PDB file of N, CA and C in Angstrom:
ATOM      1  N   MET A   1      48.055  55.772  97.158  1.00  0.00           N
ATOM      2  CA  MET A   1      48.615  55.850  95.821  1.00  0.00           C
ATOM      3  C   MET A   1      50.102  55.534  95.836  1.00  0.00           C
ATOM      4  N   LYS A   2      50.780  56.058  96.856  1.00  0.00           N
ATOM      5  CA  LYS A   2      52.224  55.824  96.933  1.00  0.00           C
ATOM      6  C   LYS A   2      52.531  54.333  96.971  1.00  0.00           C
ATOM      7  N   ASN A   3      51.774  53.602  97.749  1.00  0.00           N
ATOM      8  CA  ASN A   3      52.059  52.179  97.915  1.00  0.00           C
ATOM      9  C   ASN A   3      51.383  51.297  96.869  1.00  0.00           C
ATOM     10  N   THR A   4      50.180  51.640  96.474  1.00  0.00           N
ATOM     11  CA  THR A   4      49.428  50.783  95.544  1.00  0.00           C
ATOM     12  C   THR A   4      49.709  51.099  94.084  1.00  0.00           C
ATOM     13  N   LYS A   5      50.263  52.276  93.822  1.00  0.00           N
ATOM     14  CA  LYS A   5      50.528  52.747  92.459  1.00  0.00           C
ATOM     15  C   LYS A   5      49.235  52.897  91.655  1.00  0.00           C
ATOM     16  N   ARG A   6      48.114  53.078  92.365  1.00  0.00           N
ATOM     17  CA  ARG A   6      46.803  53.214  91.739  1.00  0.00           C
ATOM     18  C   ARG A   6      46.023  54.304  92.467  1.00  0.00           C
ATOM     19  N   CYS A   7      45.277  55.109  91.712  1.00  0.00           N
ATOM     20  CA  CYS A   7      44.466  56.155  92.301  1.00  0.00           C
ATOM     21  C   CYS A   7      43.259  55.532  93.018  1.00  0.00           C
ATOM     22  N   PRO A   8      43.051  55.864  94.304  1.00  0.00           N
ATOM     23  CA  PRO A   8      41.907  55.300  95.015  1.00  0.00           C
ATOM     24  C   PRO A   8      40.571  55.903  94.579  1.00  0.00           C
ATOM     25  N   LYS A   9      40.604  57.019  93.885  1.00  0.00           N
ATOM     26  CA  LYS A   9      39.375  57.683  93.460  1.00  0.00           C
ATOM     27  C   LYS A   9      38.881  57.163  92.106  1.00  0.00           C
ATOM     28  N   CYS A  10      39.786  57.099  91.113  1.00  0.00           N
ATOM     29  CA  CYS A  10      39.344  56.712  89.761  1.00  0.00           C
ATOM     30  C   CYS A  10      39.962  55.410  89.260  1.00  0.00           C
ATOM     31  N   GLY A  11      40.960  54.873  89.985  1.00  0.00           N
ATOM     32  CA  GLY A  11      41.572  53.607  89.590  1.00  0.00           C
ATOM     33  C   GLY A  11      42.701  53.728  88.576  1.00  0.00           C
ATOM     34  N   SER A  12      43.033  54.940  88.161  1.00  0.00           N
ATOM     35  CA  SER A  12      44.089  55.137  87.163  1.00  0.00           C
ATOM     36  C   SER A  12      45.451  54.670  87.689  1.00  0.00           C
ATOM     37  N   LEU A  13      46.290  54.230  86.766  1.00  0.00           N
ATOM     38  CA  LEU A  13      47.662  53.857  87.093  1.00  0.00           C
ATOM     39  C   LEU A  13      48.652  54.971  86.744  1.00  0.00           C
ATOM     40  N   GLU A  14      48.137  56.110  86.286  1.00  0.00           N
ATOM     41  CA  GLU A  14      48.996  57.234  85.906  1.00  0.00           C
ATOM     42  C   GLU A  14      49.201  58.147  87.115  1.00  0.00           C
ATOM     43  N   ILE A  15      50.171  57.768  87.936  1.00  0.00           N
ATOM     44  CA  ILE A  15      50.463  58.496  89.168  1.00  0.00           C
ATOM     45  C   ILE A  15      51.783  59.244  88.999  1.00  0.00           C
ATOM     46  N   LEU A  16      51.777  60.512  89.356  1.00  0.00           N
ATOM     47  CA  LEU A  16      52.975  61.349  89.256  1.00  0.00           C
ATOM     48  C   LEU A  16      53.475  61.647  90.662  1.00  0.00           C
ATOM     49  N   ARG A  17      54.785  61.551  90.864  1.00  0.00           N
ATOM     50  CA  ARG A  17      55.398  61.923  92.140  1.00  0.00           C
ATOM     51  C   ARG A  17      56.031  63.295  91.974  1.00  0.00           C
ATOM     52  N   VAL A  18      55.618  64.243  92.804  1.00  0.00           N
ATOM     53  CA  VAL A  18      56.156  65.602  92.772  1.00  0.00           C
ATOM     54  C   VAL A  18      56.935  65.796  94.069  1.00  0.00           C
ATOM     55  N   PRO A  19      58.267  65.804  94.003  1.00  0.00           N
ATOM     56  CA  PRO A  19      59.050  65.961  95.228  1.00  0.00           C
ATOM     57  C   PRO A  19      58.957  67.377  95.774  1.00  0.00           C
ATOM     58  N   ASP A  20      59.220  67.502  97.053  1.00  0.00           N
ATOM     59  CA  ASP A  20      59.301  68.823  97.671  1.00  0.00           C
ATOM     60  C   ASP A  20      60.450  69.572  97.008  1.00  0.00           C
ATOM     61  N   ASP A  21      60.244  70.822  96.715  1.00  0.00           N
ATOM     62  CA  ASP A  21      61.263  71.640  96.050  1.00  0.00           C
ATOM     63  C   ASP A  21      62.025  72.454  97.093  1.00  0.00           C
ATOM     64  N   ALA A  22      63.246  72.056  97.356  1.00  0.00           N
ATOM     65  CA  ALA A  22      64.050  72.710  98.389  1.00  0.00           C
ATOM     66  C   ALA A  22      64.360  74.166  98.061  1.00  0.00           C
ATOM     67  N   HIS A  23      64.180  74.575  96.808  1.00  0.00           N
ATOM     68  CA  HIS A  23      64.511  75.945  96.417  1.00  0.00           C
ATOM     69  C   HIS A  23      63.360  76.923  96.672  1.00  0.00           C
ATOM     70  N   ARG A  24      62.163  76.393  96.908  1.00  0.00           N
ATOM     71  CA  ARG A  24      61.031  77.268  97.249  1.00  0.00           C
ATOM     72  C   ARG A  24      60.959  77.404  98.759  1.00  0.00           C
ATOM     73  N   TYR A  25      60.701  78.587  99.228  1.00  0.00           N
ATOM     74  CA  TYR A  25      60.633  78.826 100.673  1.00  0.00           C
ATOM     75  C   TYR A  25      59.528  77.993 101.304  1.00  0.00           C
ATOM     76  N   LEU A  26      59.902  77.049 102.142  1.00  0.00           N
ATOM     77  CA  LEU A  26      59.024  76.158 102.876  1.00  0.00           C
ATOM     78  C   LEU A  26      58.102  75.307 102.008  1.00  0.00           C
ATOM     79  N   ALA A  27      58.144  75.446 100.733  1.00  0.00           N
ATOM     80  CA  ALA A  27      57.458  74.612  99.745  1.00  0.00           C
ATOM     81  C   ALA A  27      56.284  73.811 100.320  1.00  0.00           C
ATOM     82  N   ASN A  28      56.365  72.477 100.233  1.00  0.00           N
ATOM     83  CA  ASN A  28      55.288  71.605 100.715  1.00  0.00           C
ATOM     84  C   ASN A  28      55.602  71.073 102.098  1.00  0.00           C
ATOM     85  N   SER A  29      56.438  71.721 102.831  1.00  0.00           N
ATOM     86  CA  SER A  29      57.015  71.177 104.048  1.00  0.00           C
ATOM     87  C   SER A  29      56.114  71.247 105.264  1.00  0.00           C
ATOM     88  N   VAL A  30      56.447  70.395 106.220  1.00  0.00           N
ATOM     89  CA  VAL A  30      55.933  70.511 107.577  1.00  0.00           C
ATOM     90  C   VAL A  30      57.024  71.250 108.342  1.00  0.00           C
ATOM     91  N   CYS A  31      56.656  72.278 109.069  1.00  0.00           N
ATOM     92  CA  CYS A  31      57.648  73.069 109.785  1.00  0.00           C
ATOM     93  C   CYS A  31      57.532  72.828 111.281  1.00  0.00           C
ATOM     94  N   ILE A  32      58.664  72.615 111.898  1.00  0.00           N
ATOM     95  CA  ILE A  32      58.739  72.469 113.344  1.00  0.00           C
ATOM     96  C   ILE A  32      59.571  73.626 113.851  1.00  0.00           C
ATOM     97  N   THR A  33      58.977  74.446 114.682  1.00  0.00           N
ATOM     98  CA  THR A  33      59.689  75.622 115.161  1.00  0.00           C
ATOM     99  C   THR A  33      60.232  75.389 116.560  1.00  0.00           C
ATOM    100  N   GLY A  34      61.455  75.825 116.749  1.00  0.00           N
ATOM    101  CA  GLY A  34      62.089  75.788 118.054  1.00  0.00           C
ATOM    102  C   GLY A  34      62.216  77.214 118.558  1.00  0.00           C
ATOM    103  N   MET A  35      62.982  77.386 119.619  1.00  0.00           N
ATOM    104  CA  MET A  35      63.173  78.726 120.166  1.00  0.00           C
ATOM    105  C   MET A  35      63.808  79.666 119.137  1.00  0.00           C
ATOM    106  N   LEU A  36      64.827  79.188 118.442  1.00  0.00           N
ATOM    107  CA  LEU A  36      65.528  80.040 117.487  1.00  0.00           C
ATOM    108  C   LEU A  36      65.634  79.426 116.095  1.00  0.00           C
ATOM    109  N   THR A  37      65.027  78.275 115.881  1.00  0.00           N
ATOM    110  CA  THR A  37      65.200  77.569 114.614  1.00  0.00           C
ATOM    111  C   THR A  37      63.869  77.122 114.027  1.00  0.00           C
ATOM    112  N   VAL A  38      63.909  76.841 112.743  1.00  0.00           N
ATOM    113  CA  VAL A  38      62.789  76.216 112.044  1.00  0.00           C
ATOM    114  C   VAL A  38      63.344  74.995 111.337  1.00  0.00           C
ATOM    115  N   LYS A  39      62.817  73.833 111.655  1.00  0.00           N
ATOM    116  CA  LYS A  39      63.207  72.585 110.999  1.00  0.00           C
ATOM    117  C   LYS A  39      62.185  72.312 109.909  1.00  0.00           C
ATOM    118  N   ARG A  40      62.648  72.044 108.727  1.00  0.00           N
ATOM    119  CA  ARG A  40      61.805  71.824 107.560  1.00  0.00           C
ATOM    120  C   ARG A  40      61.809  70.347 107.207  1.00  0.00           C
ATOM    121  N   ILE A  41      60.645  69.727 107.171  1.00  0.00           N
ATOM    122  CA  ILE A  41      60.545  68.320 106.808  1.00  0.00           C
ATOM    123  C   ILE A  41      59.823  68.243 105.464  1.00  0.00           C
ATOM    124  N   PRO A  42      60.468  67.677 104.443  1.00  0.00           N
ATOM    125  CA  PRO A  42      59.884  67.659 103.100  1.00  0.00           C
ATOM    126  C   PRO A  42      58.658  66.756 103.004  1.00  0.00           C
ATOM    127  N   VAL A  43      57.743  67.170 102.136  1.00  0.00           N
ATOM    128  CA  VAL A  43      56.528  66.411 101.866  1.00  0.00           C
ATOM    129  C   VAL A  43      56.449  66.174 100.361  1.00  0.00           C
ATOM    130  N   ALA A  44      56.415  64.904  99.959  1.00  0.00           N
ATOM    131  CA  ALA A  44      56.269  64.561  98.543  1.00  0.00           C
ATOM    132  C   ALA A  44      54.781  64.479  98.217  1.00  0.00           C
ATOM    133  N   ARG A  45      54.426  64.898  97.024  1.00  0.00           N
ATOM    134  CA  ARG A  45      53.037  64.826  96.574  1.00  0.00           C
ATOM    135  C   ARG A  45      52.906  63.760  95.501  1.00  0.00           C
ATOM    136  N   TYR A  46      51.828  63.008  95.614  1.00  0.00           N
ATOM    137  CA  TYR A  46      51.477  62.013  94.597  1.00  0.00           C
ATOM    138  C   TYR A  46      50.168  62.474  93.973  1.00  0.00           C
ATOM    139  N   VAL A  47      50.176  62.657  92.649  1.00  0.00           N
ATOM    140  CA  VAL A  47      49.043  63.232  91.938  1.00  0.00           C
ATOM    141  C   VAL A  47      48.576  62.260  90.865  1.00  0.00           C
ATOM    142  N   CYS A  48      47.261  62.043  90.807  1.00  0.00           N
ATOM    143  CA  CYS A  48      46.687  61.231  89.733  1.00  0.00           C
ATOM    144  C   CYS A  48      46.586  62.099  88.489  1.00  0.00           C
ATOM    145  N   ARG A  49      47.196  61.652  87.422  1.00  0.00           N
ATOM    146  CA  ARG A  49      47.170  62.419  86.182  1.00  0.00           C
ATOM    147  C   ARG A  49      45.767  62.440  85.566  1.00  0.00           C
ATOM    148  N   SER A  50      44.996  61.415  85.817  1.00  0.00           N
ATOM    149  CA  SER A  50      43.668  61.322  85.207  1.00  0.00           C
ATOM    150  C   SER A  50      42.633  62.225  85.872  1.00  0.00           C
ATOM    151  N   CYS A  51      42.543  62.179  87.206  1.00  0.00           N
ATOM    152  CA  CYS A  51      41.460  62.920  87.876  1.00  0.00           C
ATOM    153  C   CYS A  51      41.947  64.052  88.781  1.00  0.00           C
ATOM    154  N   GLY A  52      43.252  64.085  89.071  1.00  0.00           N
ATOM    155  CA  GLY A  52      43.786  65.163  89.892  1.00  0.00           C
ATOM    156  C   GLY A  52      43.795  64.888  91.385  1.00  0.00           C
ATOM    157  N   TYR A  53      43.345  63.719  91.799  1.00  0.00           N
ATOM    158  CA  TYR A  53      43.394  63.374  93.221  1.00  0.00           C
ATOM    159  C   TYR A  53      44.833  63.516  93.712  1.00  0.00           C
ATOM    160  N   LEU A  54      44.999  63.978  94.956  1.00  0.00           N
ATOM    161  CA  LEU A  54      46.325  64.308  95.471  1.00  0.00           C
ATOM    162  C   LEU A  54      46.512  63.719  96.858  1.00  0.00           C
ATOM    163  N   GLU A  55      47.688  63.151  97.105  1.00  0.00           N
ATOM    164  CA  GLU A  55      48.084  62.714  98.442  1.00  0.00           C
ATOM    165  C   GLU A  55      49.434  63.320  98.776  1.00  0.00           C
ATOM    166  N   ASP A  56      49.594  63.748 100.032  1.00  0.00           N
ATOM    167  CA  ASP A  56      50.878  64.245 100.530  1.00  0.00           C
ATOM    168  C   ASP A  56      51.471  63.188 101.452  1.00  0.00           C
ATOM    169  N   TRP A  57      52.788  62.972 101.345  1.00  0.00           N
ATOM    170  CA  TRP A  57      53.471  61.959 102.151  1.00  0.00           C
ATOM    171  C   TRP A  57      54.771  62.497 102.724  1.00  0.00           C
ATOM    172  N   VAL A  58      54.972  62.268 104.012  1.00  0.00           N
ATOM    173  CA  VAL A  58      56.295  62.414 104.629  1.00  0.00           C
ATOM    174  C   VAL A  58      56.891  61.021 104.510  1.00  0.00           C
ATOM    175  N   GLU A  59      57.890  60.868 103.680  1.00  0.00           N
ATOM    176  CA  GLU A  59      58.306  59.537 103.240  1.00  0.00           C
ATOM    177  C   GLU A  59      59.260  58.801 104.176  1.00  0.00           C
ATOM    178  N   HIS A  60      59.935  59.503 105.070  1.00  0.00           N
ATOM    179  CA  HIS A  60      60.940  58.837 105.905  1.00  0.00           C
ATOM    180  C   HIS A  60      60.465  58.707 107.356  1.00  0.00           C
ATOM    181  N   GLN A  61      60.617  57.516 107.910  1.00  0.00           N
ATOM    182  CA  GLN A  61      60.157  57.215 109.263  1.00  0.00           C
ATOM    183  C   GLN A  61      60.750  58.166 110.301  1.00  0.00           C
ATOM    184  N   ALA A  62      62.031  58.452 110.199  1.00  0.00           N
ATOM    185  CA  ALA A  62      62.677  59.340 111.179  1.00  0.00           C
ATOM    186  C   ALA A  62      62.026  60.726 111.173  1.00  0.00           C
ATOM    187  N   GLU A  63      61.632  61.208 110.010  1.00  0.00           N
ATOM    188  CA  GLU A  63      60.979  62.515 109.920  1.00  0.00           C
ATOM    189  C   GLU A  63      59.569  62.466 110.503  1.00  0.00           C
ATOM    190  N   ARG A  64      58.851  61.354 110.298  1.00  0.00           N
ATOM    191  CA  ARG A  64      57.518  61.204 110.902  1.00  0.00           C
ATOM    192  C   ARG A  64      57.618  61.171 112.427  1.00  0.00           C
ATOM    193  N   GLU A  65      58.650  60.516 112.941  1.00  0.00           N
ATOM    194  CA  GLU A  65      58.855  60.475 114.392  1.00  0.00           C
ATOM    195  C   GLU A  65      59.169  61.863 114.943  1.00  0.00           C
ATOM    196  N   GLU A  66      59.919  62.635 114.191  1.00  0.00           N
ATOM    197  CA  GLU A  66      60.240  63.999 114.622  1.00  0.00           C
ATOM    198  C   GLU A  66      58.982  64.866 114.677  1.00  0.00           C
ATOM    199  N   ILE A  67      58.090  64.693 113.722  1.00  0.00           N
ATOM    200  CA  ILE A  67      56.816  65.411 113.733  1.00  0.00           C
ATOM    201  C   ILE A  67      55.998  64.995 114.951  1.00  0.00           C
ATOM    202  N   ALA A  68      55.967  63.705 115.238  1.00  0.00           N
ATOM    203  CA  ALA A  68      55.209  63.207 116.398  1.00  0.00           C
ATOM    204  C   ALA A  68      55.746  63.784 117.702  1.00  0.00           C
ATOM    205  N   ARG A  69      57.065  63.891 117.828  1.00  0.00           N
ATOM    206  CA  ARG A  69      57.648  64.471 119.041  1.00  0.00           C
ATOM    207  C   ARG A  69      57.275  65.937 119.182  1.00  0.00           C
ATOM    208  N   ALA A  70      57.251  66.655 118.067  1.00  0.00           N
ATOM    209  CA  ALA A  70      56.977  68.087 118.110  1.00  0.00           C
ATOM    210  C   ALA A  70      55.494  68.410 118.275  1.00  0.00           C
ATOM    211  N   TRP A  71      54.615  67.633 117.642  1.00  0.00           N
ATOM    212  CA  TRP A  71      53.206  67.979 117.609  1.00  0.00           C
ATOM    213  C   TRP A  71      52.333  67.080 118.478  1.00  0.00           C
ATOM    214  N   GLY A  72      52.831  65.902 118.861  1.00  0.00           N
ATOM    215  CA  GLY A  72      52.034  65.002 119.682  1.00  0.00           C
ATOM    216  C   GLY A  72      50.935  64.326 118.892  1.00  0.00           C
ATOM    217  N   PRO A  73      50.101  63.526 119.579  1.00  0.00           N
ATOM    218  CA  PRO A  73      49.042  62.809 118.876  1.00  0.00           C
ATOM    219  C   PRO A  73      47.944  63.760 118.385  1.00  0.00           C
ATOM    220  N   ALA A  74      47.336  63.393 117.275  1.00  0.00           N
ATOM    221  CA  ALA A  74      46.272  64.217 116.701  1.00  0.00           C
ATOM    222  C   ALA A  74      44.975  64.098 117.486  1.00  0.00           C
ATOM    223  N   PHE A  75      44.725  62.930 118.045  1.00  0.00           N
ATOM    224  CA  PHE A  75      43.464  62.679 118.745  1.00  0.00           C
ATOM    225  C   PHE A  75      43.747  61.972 120.046  1.00  0.00           C
ATOM    226  N   ASP A  76      42.950  62.217 121.045  1.00  0.00           N
ATOM    227  CA  ASP A  76      43.029  61.445 122.276  1.00  0.00           C
ATOM    228  C   ASP A  76      42.453  60.070 122.017  1.00  0.00           C
ATOM    229  N   ARG A  77      43.115  59.059 122.497  1.00  0.00           N
ATOM    230  CA  ARG A  77      42.635  57.699 122.239  1.00  0.00           C
ATOM    231  C   ARG A  77      42.019  57.111 123.458  1.00  0.00           C
TER     232      ARG A  77
END
């Protein structure tokens, strides 16, 4: 949805972007914990206004790389 501007479920063009809210505790974030710290990486939500389909996106490449360093690959290849 983020890239196509179209809902993959119903085809609607009414897509809403809901940014991560920095004022809510950990909001929609991915959290990376260290020995004494918690790093918060924001997650934007894209919602279809017509059917409610939802996608979450970490929008910046540097933040995706930081998640990969902290969590490693999801599956063995």
